[in-house]
Amino acid sequence: MSAQWQIELLNRAVGVMHTSTRREYSSMQCVFDHECYEGGWSVGSRYSYSAAGEDICVYLDDPRDAVSDFVHELHELMREHTGGDWKSLVVTVDGRGDAATKISC
């Protein structure tokens, strides 16, 4: 179930990205920075998309900050599954909706 739930969490994050895009896009990208500290954690994000040859940086349309919970839960599941730890997750989506991820330690 862990791998399937990881995919579901990524899909939820991509859903927030898609909702945040105001028009048809050729690509979109979000960098999620995850930090654990004594007694807590935080997730920051930098979101942008490309449309009609223009790069547009906007805030994620996520007033309840649900994507932070998705990213934190994904971080914890991946750490339990592989024992690895990452500080940054980059999610890129092309115009067809195909997503790719990259992590940085």
PDB file of N, CA and C in Angstrom:
ATOM      1  N   MET A   1       0.814  -1.199   0.000  1.00  0.00           N
ATOM      2  CA  MET A   1       0.000   0.000   0.000  1.00  0.00           C
ATOM      3  C   MET A   1       0.860   1.267   0.000  1.00  0.00           C
ATOM      4  N   SER A   2       2.022   1.205   0.563  1.00  0.00           N
ATOM      5  CA  SER A   2       2.866   2.392   0.689  1.00  0.00           C
ATOM      6  C   SER A   2       3.156   3.041  -0.662  1.00  0.00           C
ATOM      7  N   ALA A   3       3.565   2.247  -1.660  1.00  0.00           N
ATOM      8  CA  ALA A   3       3.881   2.812  -2.974  1.00  0.00           C
ATOM      9  C   ALA A   3       2.633   3.413  -3.615  1.00  0.00           C
ATOM     10  N   GLN A   4       1.500   2.739  -3.506  1.00  0.00           N
ATOM     11  CA  GLN A   4       0.260   3.251  -4.071  1.00  0.00           C
ATOM     12  C   GLN A   4      -0.167   4.543  -3.381  1.00  0.00           C
ATOM     13  N   TRP A   5       0.006   4.602  -2.064  1.00  0.00           N
ATOM     14  CA  TRP A   5      -0.363   5.814  -1.337  1.00  0.00           C
ATOM     15  C   TRP A   5       0.577   6.964  -1.694  1.00  0.00           C
ATOM     16  N   GLN A   6       1.860   6.674  -1.935  1.00  0.00           N
ATOM     17  CA  GLN A   6       2.801   7.705  -2.375  1.00  0.00           C
ATOM     18  C   GLN A   6       2.329   8.311  -3.701  1.00  0.00           C
ATOM     19  N   ILE A   7       1.894   7.458  -4.617  1.00  0.00           N
ATOM     20  CA  ILE A   7       1.389   7.932  -5.906  1.00  0.00           C
ATOM     21  C   ILE A   7       0.143   8.797  -5.700  1.00  0.00           C
ATOM     22  N   GLU A   8      -0.737   8.379  -4.807  1.00  0.00           N
ATOM     23  CA  GLU A   8      -1.950   9.148  -4.518  1.00  0.00           C
ATOM     24  C   GLU A   8      -1.599  10.528  -3.957  1.00  0.00           C
ATOM     25  N   LEU A   9      -0.634  10.591  -3.054  1.00  0.00           N
ATOM     26  CA  LEU A   9      -0.223  11.878  -2.491  1.00  0.00           C
ATOM     27  C   LEU A   9       0.369  12.785  -3.567  1.00  0.00           C
ATOM     28  N   LEU A  10       1.189  12.219  -4.461  1.00  0.00           N
ATOM     29  CA  LEU A  10       1.725  13.001  -5.580  1.00  0.00           C
ATOM     30  C   LEU A  10       0.603  13.500  -6.478  1.00  0.00           C
ATOM     31  N   ASN A  11      -0.370  12.637  -6.754  1.00  0.00           N
ATOM     32  CA  ASN A  11      -1.512  13.051  -7.580  1.00  0.00           C
ATOM     33  C   ASN A  11      -2.281  14.195  -6.930  1.00  0.00           C
ATOM     34  N   ARG A  12      -2.421  14.172  -5.627  1.00  0.00           N
ATOM     35  CA  ARG A  12      -3.112  15.251  -4.927  1.00  0.00           C
ATOM     36  C   ARG A  12      -2.328  16.566  -5.040  1.00  0.00           C
ATOM     37  N   ALA A  13      -1.005  16.478  -4.900  1.00  0.00           N
ATOM     38  CA  ALA A  13      -0.170  17.679  -5.039  1.00  0.00           C
ATOM     39  C   ALA A  13      -0.285  18.236  -6.459  1.00  0.00           C
ATOM     40  N   VAL A  14      -0.247  17.350  -7.462  1.00  0.00           N
ATOM     41  CA  VAL A  14      -0.387  17.790  -8.859  1.00  0.00           C
ATOM     42  C   VAL A  14      -1.766  18.401  -9.077  1.00  0.00           C
ATOM     43  N   GLY A  15      -2.784  17.868  -8.424  1.00  0.00           N
ATOM     44  CA  GLY A  15      -4.123  18.441  -8.522  1.00  0.00           C
ATOM     45  C   GLY A  15      -4.163  19.885  -8.032  1.00  0.00           C
ATOM     46  N   VAL A  16      -3.473  20.178  -6.935  1.00  0.00           N
ATOM     47  CA  VAL A  16      -3.400  21.551  -6.431  1.00  0.00           C
ATOM     48  C   VAL A  16      -2.655  22.426  -7.434  1.00  0.00           C
ATOM     49  N   MET A  17      -1.575  21.907  -8.004  1.00  0.00           N
ATOM     50  CA  MET A  17      -0.836  22.661  -9.014  1.00  0.00           C
ATOM     51  C   MET A  17      -1.745  22.977 -10.200  1.00  0.00           C
ATOM     52  N   HIS A  18      -2.465  21.972 -10.666  1.00  0.00           N
ATOM     53  CA  HIS A  18      -3.357  22.162 -11.819  1.00  0.00           C
ATOM     54  C   HIS A  18      -4.421  23.221 -11.521  1.00  0.00           C
ATOM     55  N   THR A  19      -5.009  23.151 -10.355  1.00  0.00           N
ATOM     56  CA  THR A  19      -6.026  24.122  -9.952  1.00  0.00           C
ATOM     57  C   THR A  19      -5.448  25.539  -9.897  1.00  0.00           C
ATOM     58  N   SER A  20      -4.169  25.643  -9.573  1.00  0.00           N
ATOM     59  CA  SER A  20      -3.520  26.949  -9.430  1.00  0.00           C
ATOM     60  C   SER A  20      -3.172  27.592 -10.767  1.00  0.00           C
ATOM     61  N   THR A  21      -3.235  26.828 -11.831  1.00  0.00           N
ATOM     62  CA  THR A  21      -2.910  27.342 -13.160  1.00  0.00           C
ATOM     63  C   THR A  21      -4.149  28.009 -13.732  1.00  0.00           C
ATOM     64  N   ARG A  22      -4.007  29.242 -14.130  1.00  0.00           N
ATOM     65  CA  ARG A  22      -5.163  30.047 -14.526  1.00  0.00           C
ATOM     66  C   ARG A  22      -5.577  29.840 -15.978  1.00  0.00           C
ATOM     67  N   ARG A  23      -4.766  29.134 -16.757  1.00  0.00           N
ATOM     68  CA  ARG A  23      -5.091  28.929 -18.167  1.00  0.00           C
ATOM     69  C   ARG A  23      -4.353  27.692 -18.657  1.00  0.00           C
ATOM     70  N   GLU A  24      -4.567  27.336 -19.911  1.00  0.00           N
ATOM     71  CA  GLU A  24      -3.898  26.184 -20.476  1.00  0.00           C
ATOM     72  C   GLU A  24      -2.386  26.391 -20.422  1.00  0.00           C
ATOM     73  N   TYR A  25      -1.665  25.366 -20.039  1.00  0.00           N
ATOM     74  CA  TYR A  25      -0.225  25.488 -19.839  1.00  0.00           C
ATOM     75  C   TYR A  25       0.534  24.510 -20.729  1.00  0.00           C
ATOM     76  N   SER A  26       1.782  24.833 -20.985  1.00  0.00           N
ATOM     77  CA  SER A  26       2.645  23.891 -21.700  1.00  0.00           C
ATOM     78  C   SER A  26       3.485  23.081 -20.713  1.00  0.00           C
ATOM     79  N   SER A  27       3.694  23.626 -19.519  1.00  0.00           N
ATOM     80  CA  SER A  27       4.353  22.895 -18.436  1.00  0.00           C
ATOM     81  C   SER A  27       4.109  23.637 -17.132  1.00  0.00           C
ATOM     82  N   MET A  28       4.276  22.923 -16.039  1.00  0.00           N
ATOM     83  CA  MET A  28       4.210  23.550 -14.724  1.00  0.00           C
ATOM     84  C   MET A  28       5.199  22.846 -13.816  1.00  0.00           C
ATOM     85  N   GLN A  29       5.667  23.583 -12.829  1.00  0.00           N
ATOM     86  CA  GLN A  29       6.662  23.032 -11.913  1.00  0.00           C
ATOM     87  C   GLN A  29       6.466  23.614 -10.525  1.00  0.00           C
ATOM     88  N   CYS A  30       6.651  22.773  -9.518  1.00  0.00           N
ATOM     89  CA  CYS A  30       6.624  23.257  -8.147  1.00  0.00           C
ATOM     90  C   CYS A  30       7.794  22.628  -7.397  1.00  0.00           C
ATOM     91  N   VAL A  31       8.516  23.461  -6.679  1.00  0.00           N
ATOM     92  CA  VAL A  31       9.589  22.999  -5.807  1.00  0.00           C
ATOM     93  C   VAL A  31       9.036  23.052  -4.392  1.00  0.00           C
ATOM     94  N   PHE A  32       8.986  21.894  -3.754  1.00  0.00           N
ATOM     95  CA  PHE A  32       8.515  21.789  -2.377  1.00  0.00           C
ATOM     96  C   PHE A  32       9.739  21.584  -1.484  1.00  0.00           C
ATOM     97  N   ASP A  33       9.983  22.515  -0.579  1.00  0.00           N
ATOM     98  CA  ASP A  33      11.085  22.402   0.370  1.00  0.00           C
ATOM     99  C   ASP A  33      10.523  21.893   1.689  1.00  0.00           C
ATOM    100  N   HIS A  34      11.082  20.780   2.167  1.00  0.00           N
ATOM    101  CA  HIS A  34      10.605  20.142   3.390  1.00  0.00           C
ATOM    102  C   HIS A  34      11.684  20.251   4.462  1.00  0.00           C
ATOM    103  N   GLU A  35      11.277  20.665   5.653  1.00  0.00           N
ATOM    104  CA  GLU A  35      12.221  20.782   6.761  1.00  0.00           C
ATOM    105  C   GLU A  35      11.620  20.175   8.015  1.00  0.00           C
ATOM    106  N   CYS A  36      12.385  19.314   8.656  1.00  0.00           N
ATOM    107  CA  CYS A  36      12.007  18.772   9.960  1.00  0.00           C
ATOM    108  C   CYS A  36      12.878  19.452  11.006  1.00  0.00           C
ATOM    109  N   TYR A  37      12.293  19.766  12.122  1.00  0.00           N
ATOM    110  CA  TYR A  37      13.038  20.348  13.228  1.00  0.00           C
ATOM    111  C   TYR A  37      12.426  19.810  14.509  1.00  0.00           C
ATOM    112  N   GLU A  38      13.099  20.026  15.608  1.00  0.00           N
ATOM    113  CA  GLU A  38      12.628  19.487  16.875  1.00  0.00           C
ATOM    114  C   GLU A  38      11.203  19.954  17.161  1.00  0.00           C
ATOM    115  N   GLY A  39      10.314  18.997  17.230  1.00  0.00           N
ATOM    116  CA  GLY A  39       8.932  19.303  17.550  1.00  0.00           C
ATOM    117  C   GLY A  39       8.050  19.676  16.374  1.00  0.00           C
ATOM    118  N   GLY A  40       8.550  19.572  15.141  1.00  0.00           N
ATOM    119  CA  GLY A  40       7.672  19.921  14.033  1.00  0.00           C
ATOM    120  C   GLY A  40       8.317  19.805  12.668  1.00  0.00           C
ATOM    121  N   TRP A  41       7.645  20.381  11.688  1.00  0.00           N
ATOM    122  CA  TRP A  41       8.092  20.348  10.298  1.00  0.00           C
ATOM    123  C   TRP A  41       7.462  21.522   9.566  1.00  0.00           C
ATOM    124  N   SER A  42       8.006  21.828   8.399  1.00  0.00           N
ATOM    125  CA  SER A  42       7.409  22.858   7.552  1.00  0.00           C
ATOM    126  C   SER A  42       7.647  22.505   6.090  1.00  0.00           C
ATOM    127  N   VAL A  43       6.762  23.011   5.234  1.00  0.00           N
ATOM    128  CA  VAL A  43       6.878  22.815   3.792  1.00  0.00           C
ATOM    129  C   VAL A  43       6.678  24.173   3.134  1.00  0.00           C
ATOM    130  N   GLY A  44       7.643  24.554   2.313  1.00  0.00           N
ATOM    131  CA  GLY A  44       7.516  25.760   1.511  1.00  0.00           C
ATOM    132  C   GLY A  44       7.377  25.366   0.054  1.00  0.00           C
ATOM    133  N   SER A  45       6.882  26.255  -0.773  1.00  0.00           N
ATOM    134  CA  SER A  45       6.718  25.921  -2.189  1.00  0.00           C
ATOM    135  C   SER A  45       7.002  27.125  -3.070  1.00  0.00           C
ATOM    136  N   ARG A  46       7.515  26.819  -4.259  1.00  0.00           N
ATOM    137  CA  ARG A  46       7.724  27.811  -5.314  1.00  0.00           C
ATOM    138  C   ARG A  46       7.096  27.223  -6.572  1.00  0.00           C
ATOM    139  N   TYR A  47       6.035  27.861  -7.056  1.00  0.00           N
ATOM    140  CA  TYR A  47       5.248  27.313  -8.159  1.00  0.00           C
ATOM    141  C   TYR A  47       5.315  28.230  -9.374  1.00  0.00           C
ATOM    142  N   SER A  48       5.439  27.624 -10.538  1.00  0.00           N
ATOM    143  CA  SER A  48       5.399  28.389 -11.789  1.00  0.00           C
ATOM    144  C   SER A  48       4.843  27.499 -12.897  1.00  0.00           C
ATOM    145  N   TYR A  49       4.373  28.164 -13.942  1.00  0.00           N
ATOM    146  CA  TYR A  49       3.928  27.425 -15.125  1.00  0.00           C
ATOM    147  C   TYR A  49       4.238  28.249 -16.361  1.00  0.00           C
ATOM    148  N   SER A  50       4.269  27.552 -17.489  1.00  0.00           N
ATOM    149  CA  SER A  50       4.521  28.204 -18.778  1.00  0.00           C
ATOM    150  C   SER A  50       3.252  28.128 -19.612  1.00  0.00           C
ATOM    151  N   ALA A  51       2.905  29.273 -20.209  1.00  0.00           N
ATOM    152  CA  ALA A  51       1.726  29.345 -21.068  1.00  0.00           C
ATOM    153  C   ALA A  51       1.996  30.375 -22.156  1.00  0.00           C
ATOM    154  N   ALA A  52       1.753  29.995 -23.382  1.00  0.00           N
ATOM    155  CA  ALA A  52       1.927  30.891 -24.530  1.00  0.00           C
ATOM    156  C   ALA A  52       3.311  31.539 -24.539  1.00  0.00           C
ATOM    157  N   GLY A  53       4.334  30.752 -24.218  1.00  0.00           N
ATOM    158  CA  GLY A  53       5.701  31.245 -24.237  1.00  0.00           C
ATOM    159  C   GLY A  53       6.084  32.139 -23.075  1.00  0.00           C
ATOM    160  N   GLU A  54       5.237  32.245 -22.087  1.00  0.00           N
ATOM    161  CA  GLU A  54       5.475  33.111 -20.937  1.00  0.00           C
ATOM    162  C   GLU A  54       5.599  32.260 -19.674  1.00  0.00           C
ATOM    163  N   ASP A  55       6.605  32.537 -18.835  1.00  0.00           N
ATOM    164  CA  ASP A  55       6.743  31.872 -17.541  1.00  0.00           C
ATOM    165  C   ASP A  55       6.038  32.707 -16.483  1.00  0.00           C
ATOM    166  N   ILE A  56       5.159  32.064 -15.722  1.00  0.00           N
ATOM    167  CA  ILE A  56       4.322  32.757 -14.754  1.00  0.00           C
ATOM    168  C   ILE A  56       4.539  32.136 -13.379  1.00  0.00           C
ATOM    169  N   CYS A  57       4.915  32.950 -12.410  1.00  0.00           N
ATOM    170  CA  CYS A  57       5.086  32.505 -11.033  1.00  0.00           C
ATOM    171  C   CYS A  57       3.894  33.000 -10.220  1.00  0.00           C
ATOM    172  N   VAL A  58       3.212  32.089  -9.564  1.00  0.00           N
ATOM    173  CA  VAL A  58       2.062  32.435  -8.732  1.00  0.00           C
ATOM    174  C   VAL A  58       2.107  31.581  -7.472  1.00  0.00           C
ATOM    175  N   TYR A  59       1.290  31.956  -6.505  1.00  0.00           N
ATOM    176  CA  TYR A  59       1.117  31.122  -5.324  1.00  0.00           C
ATOM    177  C   TYR A  59       0.182  29.969  -5.660  1.00  0.00           C
ATOM    178  N   LEU A  60       0.392  28.852  -4.997  1.00  0.00           N
ATOM    179  CA  LEU A  60      -0.544  27.744  -5.152  1.00  0.00           C
ATOM    180  C   LEU A  60      -1.908  28.171  -4.620  1.00  0.00           C
ATOM    181  N   ASP A  61      -2.951  27.794  -5.320  1.00  0.00           N
ATOM    182  CA  ASP A  61      -4.317  28.078  -4.897  1.00  0.00           C
ATOM    183  C   ASP A  61      -4.718  26.994  -3.889  1.00  0.00           C
ATOM    184  N   ASP A  62      -4.308  27.207  -2.651  1.00  0.00           N
ATOM    185  CA  ASP A  62      -4.454  26.189  -1.611  1.00  0.00           C
ATOM    186  C   ASP A  62      -4.677  26.878  -0.266  1.00  0.00           C
ATOM    187  N   PRO A  63      -5.835  27.536  -0.082  1.00  0.00           N
ATOM    188  CA  PRO A  63      -6.055  28.339   1.125  1.00  0.00           C
ATOM    189  C   PRO A  63      -5.969  27.548   2.424  1.00  0.00           C
ATOM    190  N   ARG A  64      -6.231  26.260   2.386  1.00  0.00           N
ATOM    191  CA  ARG A  64      -6.149  25.449   3.602  1.00  0.00           C
ATOM    192  C   ARG A  64      -4.782  24.790   3.760  1.00  0.00           C
ATOM    193  N   ASP A  65      -3.860  25.055   2.824  1.00  0.00           N
ATOM    194  CA  ASP A  65      -2.491  24.538   2.853  1.00  0.00           C
ATOM    195  C   ASP A  65      -2.457  23.009   2.937  1.00  0.00           C
ATOM    196  N   ALA A  66      -3.374  22.366   2.250  1.00  0.00           N
ATOM    197  CA  ALA A  66      -3.434  20.908   2.244  1.00  0.00           C
ATOM    198  C   ALA A  66      -2.200  20.295   1.595  1.00  0.00           C
ATOM    199  N   VAL A  67      -1.623  20.972   0.588  1.00  0.00           N
ATOM    200  CA  VAL A  67      -0.478  20.413  -0.115  1.00  0.00           C
ATOM    201  C   VAL A  67       0.699  20.223   0.836  1.00  0.00           C
ATOM    202  N   SER A  68       0.835  21.066   1.846  1.00  0.00           N
ATOM    203  CA  SER A  68       1.907  20.874   2.826  1.00  0.00           C
ATOM    204  C   SER A  68       1.747  19.538   3.545  1.00  0.00           C
ATOM    205  N   ASP A  69       0.522  19.205   3.908  1.00  0.00           N
ATOM    206  CA  ASP A  69       0.276  17.908   4.546  1.00  0.00           C
ATOM    207  C   ASP A  69       0.593  16.754   3.600  1.00  0.00           C
ATOM    208  N   PHE A  70       0.207  16.890   2.316  1.00  0.00           N
ATOM    209  CA  PHE A  70       0.502  15.835   1.335  1.00  0.00           C
ATOM    210  C   PHE A  70       2.003  15.626   1.222  1.00  0.00           C
ATOM    211  N   VAL A  71       2.752  16.719   1.101  1.00  0.00           N
ATOM    212  CA  VAL A  71       4.202  16.627   0.917  1.00  0.00           C
ATOM    213  C   VAL A  71       4.864  16.063   2.170  1.00  0.00           C
ATOM    214  N   HIS A  72       4.433  16.508   3.335  1.00  0.00           N
ATOM    215  CA  HIS A  72       5.020  15.971   4.572  1.00  0.00           C
ATOM    216  C   HIS A  72       4.737  14.474   4.703  1.00  0.00           C
ATOM    217  N   GLU A  73       3.506  14.073   4.440  1.00  0.00           N
ATOM    218  CA  GLU A  73       3.175  12.649   4.539  1.00  0.00           C
ATOM    219  C   GLU A  73       3.972  11.841   3.520  1.00  0.00           C
ATOM    220  N   LEU A  74       4.120  12.370   2.314  1.00  0.00           N
ATOM    221  CA  LEU A  74       4.930  11.707   1.297  1.00  0.00           C
ATOM    222  C   LEU A  74       6.377  11.577   1.770  1.00  0.00           C
ATOM    223  N   HIS A  75       6.923  12.637   2.343  1.00  0.00           N
ATOM    224  CA  HIS A  75       8.288  12.610   2.882  1.00  0.00           C
ATOM    225  C   HIS A  75       8.437  11.493   3.910  1.00  0.00           C
ATOM    226  N   GLU A  76       7.498  11.419   4.840  1.00  0.00           N
ATOM    227  CA  GLU A  76       7.576  10.419   5.899  1.00  0.00           C
ATOM    228  C   GLU A  76       7.437   8.996   5.346  1.00  0.00           C
ATOM    229  N   LEU A  77       6.533   8.784   4.403  1.00  0.00           N
ATOM    230  CA  LEU A  77       6.375   7.459   3.792  1.00  0.00           C
ATOM    231  C   LEU A  77       7.632   7.040   3.043  1.00  0.00           C
ATOM    232  N   MET A  78       8.214   7.963   2.302  1.00  0.00           N
ATOM    233  CA  MET A  78       9.418   7.633   1.552  1.00  0.00           C
ATOM    234  C   MET A  78      10.579   7.345   2.496  1.00  0.00           C
ATOM    235  N   ARG A  79      10.670   8.085   3.585  1.00  0.00           N
ATOM    236  CA  ARG A  79      11.737   7.843   4.561  1.00  0.00           C
ATOM    237  C   ARG A  79      11.567   6.475   5.217  1.00  0.00           C
ATOM    238  N   GLU A  80      10.335   6.113   5.557  1.00  0.00           N
ATOM    239  CA  GLU A  80      10.071   4.791   6.138  1.00  0.00           C
ATOM    240  C   GLU A  80      10.375   3.677   5.140  1.00  0.00           C
ATOM    241  N   HIS A  81      10.006   3.910   3.877  1.00  0.00           N
ATOM    242  CA  HIS A  81      10.148   2.882   2.844  1.00  0.00           C
ATOM    243  C   HIS A  81      11.607   2.653   2.449  1.00  0.00           C
ATOM    244  N   THR A  82      12.367   3.737   2.288  1.00  0.00           N
ATOM    245  CA  THR A  82      13.742   3.606   1.784  1.00  0.00           C
ATOM    246  C   THR A  82      14.806   3.949   2.811  1.00  0.00           C
ATOM    247  N   GLY A  83      14.427   4.604   3.899  1.00  0.00           N
ATOM    248  CA  GLY A  83      15.409   5.040   4.879  1.00  0.00           C
ATOM    249  C   GLY A  83      16.102   6.330   4.477  1.00  0.00           C
ATOM    250  N   GLY A  84      15.779   6.852   3.294  1.00  0.00           N
ATOM    251  CA  GLY A  84      16.401   8.084   2.824  1.00  0.00           C
ATOM    252  C   GLY A  84      15.683   9.320   3.330  1.00  0.00           C
ATOM    253  N   ASP A  85      16.346  10.427   3.197  1.00  0.00           N
ATOM    254  CA  ASP A  85      15.773  11.697   3.621  1.00  0.00           C
ATOM    255  C   ASP A  85      16.025  12.715   2.513  1.00  0.00           C
ATOM    256  N   TRP A  86      15.066  13.574   2.248  1.00  0.00           N
ATOM    257  CA  TRP A  86      15.249  14.616   1.248  1.00  0.00           C
ATOM    258  C   TRP A  86      14.769  15.943   1.789  1.00  0.00           C
ATOM    259  N   LYS A  87      15.341  16.991   1.237  1.00  0.00           N
ATOM    260  CA  LYS A  87      15.012  18.354   1.647  1.00  0.00           C
ATOM    261  C   LYS A  87      14.122  19.057   0.629  1.00  0.00           C
ATOM    262  N   SER A  88      14.191  18.605  -0.632  1.00  0.00           N
ATOM    263  CA  SER A  88      13.465  19.286  -1.695  1.00  0.00           C
ATOM    264  C   SER A  88      12.903  18.267  -2.680  1.00  0.00           C
ATOM    265  N   LEU A  89      11.668  18.485  -3.082  1.00  0.00           N
ATOM    266  CA  LEU A  89      10.994  17.665  -4.079  1.00  0.00           C
ATOM    267  C   LEU A  89      10.539  18.583  -5.203  1.00  0.00           C
ATOM    268  N   VAL A  90      10.987  18.277  -6.423  1.00  0.00           N
ATOM    269  CA  VAL A  90      10.586  19.051  -7.589  1.00  0.00           C
ATOM    270  C   VAL A  90       9.597  18.209  -8.387  1.00  0.00           C
ATOM    271  N   VAL A  91       8.411  18.754  -8.609  1.00  0.00           N
ATOM    272  CA  VAL A  91       7.383  18.079  -9.399  1.00  0.00           C
ATOM    273  C   VAL A  91       7.196  18.896 -10.676  1.00  0.00           C
ATOM    274  N   THR A  92       7.403  18.237 -11.819  1.00  0.00           N
ATOM    275  CA  THR A  92       7.252  18.876 -13.122  1.00  0.00           C
ATOM    276  C   THR A  92       6.167  18.139 -13.889  1.00  0.00           C
ATOM    277  N   VAL A  93       5.289  18.894 -14.547  1.00  0.00           N
ATOM    278  CA  VAL A  93       4.198  18.317 -15.329  1.00  0.00           C
ATOM    279  C   VAL A  93       4.227  18.943 -16.714  1.00  0.00           C
ATOM    280  N   ASP A  94       4.179  18.100 -17.758  1.00  0.00           N
ATOM    281  CA  ASP A  94       4.160  18.641 -19.118  1.00  0.00           C
ATOM    282  C   ASP A  94       2.724  18.933 -19.558  1.00  0.00           C
ATOM    283  N   GLY A  95       2.563  19.458 -20.737  1.00  0.00           N
ATOM    284  CA  GLY A  95       1.255  19.857 -21.244  1.00  0.00           C
ATOM    285  C   GLY A  95       0.273  18.711 -21.415  1.00  0.00           C
ATOM    286  N   ARG A  96       0.766  17.486 -21.510  1.00  0.00           N
ATOM    287  CA  ARG A  96      -0.114  16.313 -21.607  1.00  0.00           C
ATOM    288  C   ARG A  96      -0.568  15.810 -20.247  1.00  0.00           C
ATOM    289  N   GLY A  97       0.054  16.365 -19.182  1.00  0.00           N
ATOM    290  CA  GLY A  97      -0.296  15.946 -17.823  1.00  0.00           C
ATOM    291  C   GLY A  97       0.628  14.889 -17.265  1.00  0.00           C
ATOM    292  N   ASP A  98       1.703  14.558 -17.978  1.00  0.00           N
ATOM    293  CA  ASP A  98       2.665  13.571 -17.488  1.00  0.00           C
ATOM    294  C   ASP A  98       3.571  14.243 -16.452  1.00  0.00           C
ATOM    295  N   ALA A  99       3.677  13.624 -15.279  1.00  0.00           N
ATOM    296  CA  ALA A  99       4.457  14.201 -14.191  1.00  0.00           C
ATOM    297  C   ALA A  99       5.772  13.469 -14.008  1.00  0.00           C
ATOM    298  N   ALA A 100       6.758  14.218 -13.535  1.00  0.00           N
ATOM    299  CA  ALA A 100       8.058  13.653 -13.180  1.00  0.00           C
ATOM    300  C   ALA A 100       8.486  14.290 -11.861  1.00  0.00           C
ATOM    301  N   THR A 101       9.261  13.560 -11.091  1.00  0.00           N
ATOM    302  CA  THR A 101       9.737  14.082  -9.812  1.00  0.00           C
ATOM    303  C   THR A 101      11.247  13.972  -9.724  1.00  0.00           C
ATOM    304  N   LYS A 102      11.798  14.817  -8.878  1.00  0.00           N
ATOM    305  CA  LYS A 102      13.232  14.788  -8.599  1.00  0.00           C
ATOM    306  C   LYS A 102      13.399  15.222  -7.153  1.00  0.00           C
ATOM    307  N   ILE A 103      14.244  14.530  -6.405  1.00  0.00           N
ATOM    308  CA  ILE A 103      14.477  14.919  -5.022  1.00  0.00           C
ATOM    309  C   ILE A 103      15.919  15.373  -4.844  1.00  0.00           C
ATOM    310  N   SER A 104      16.114  16.253  -3.886  1.00  0.00           N
ATOM    311  CA  SER A 104      17.449  16.719  -3.510  1.00  0.00           C
ATOM    312  C   SER A 104      17.626  16.528  -2.015  1.00  0.00           C
ATOM    313  N   CYS A 105      18.778  16.051  -1.655  1.00  0.00           N
ATOM    314  CA  CYS A 105      19.070  15.814  -0.233  1.00  0.00           C
ATOM    315  C   CYS A 105      19.676  17.029   0.416  1.00  0.00           C
TER     316      CYS A 105
END
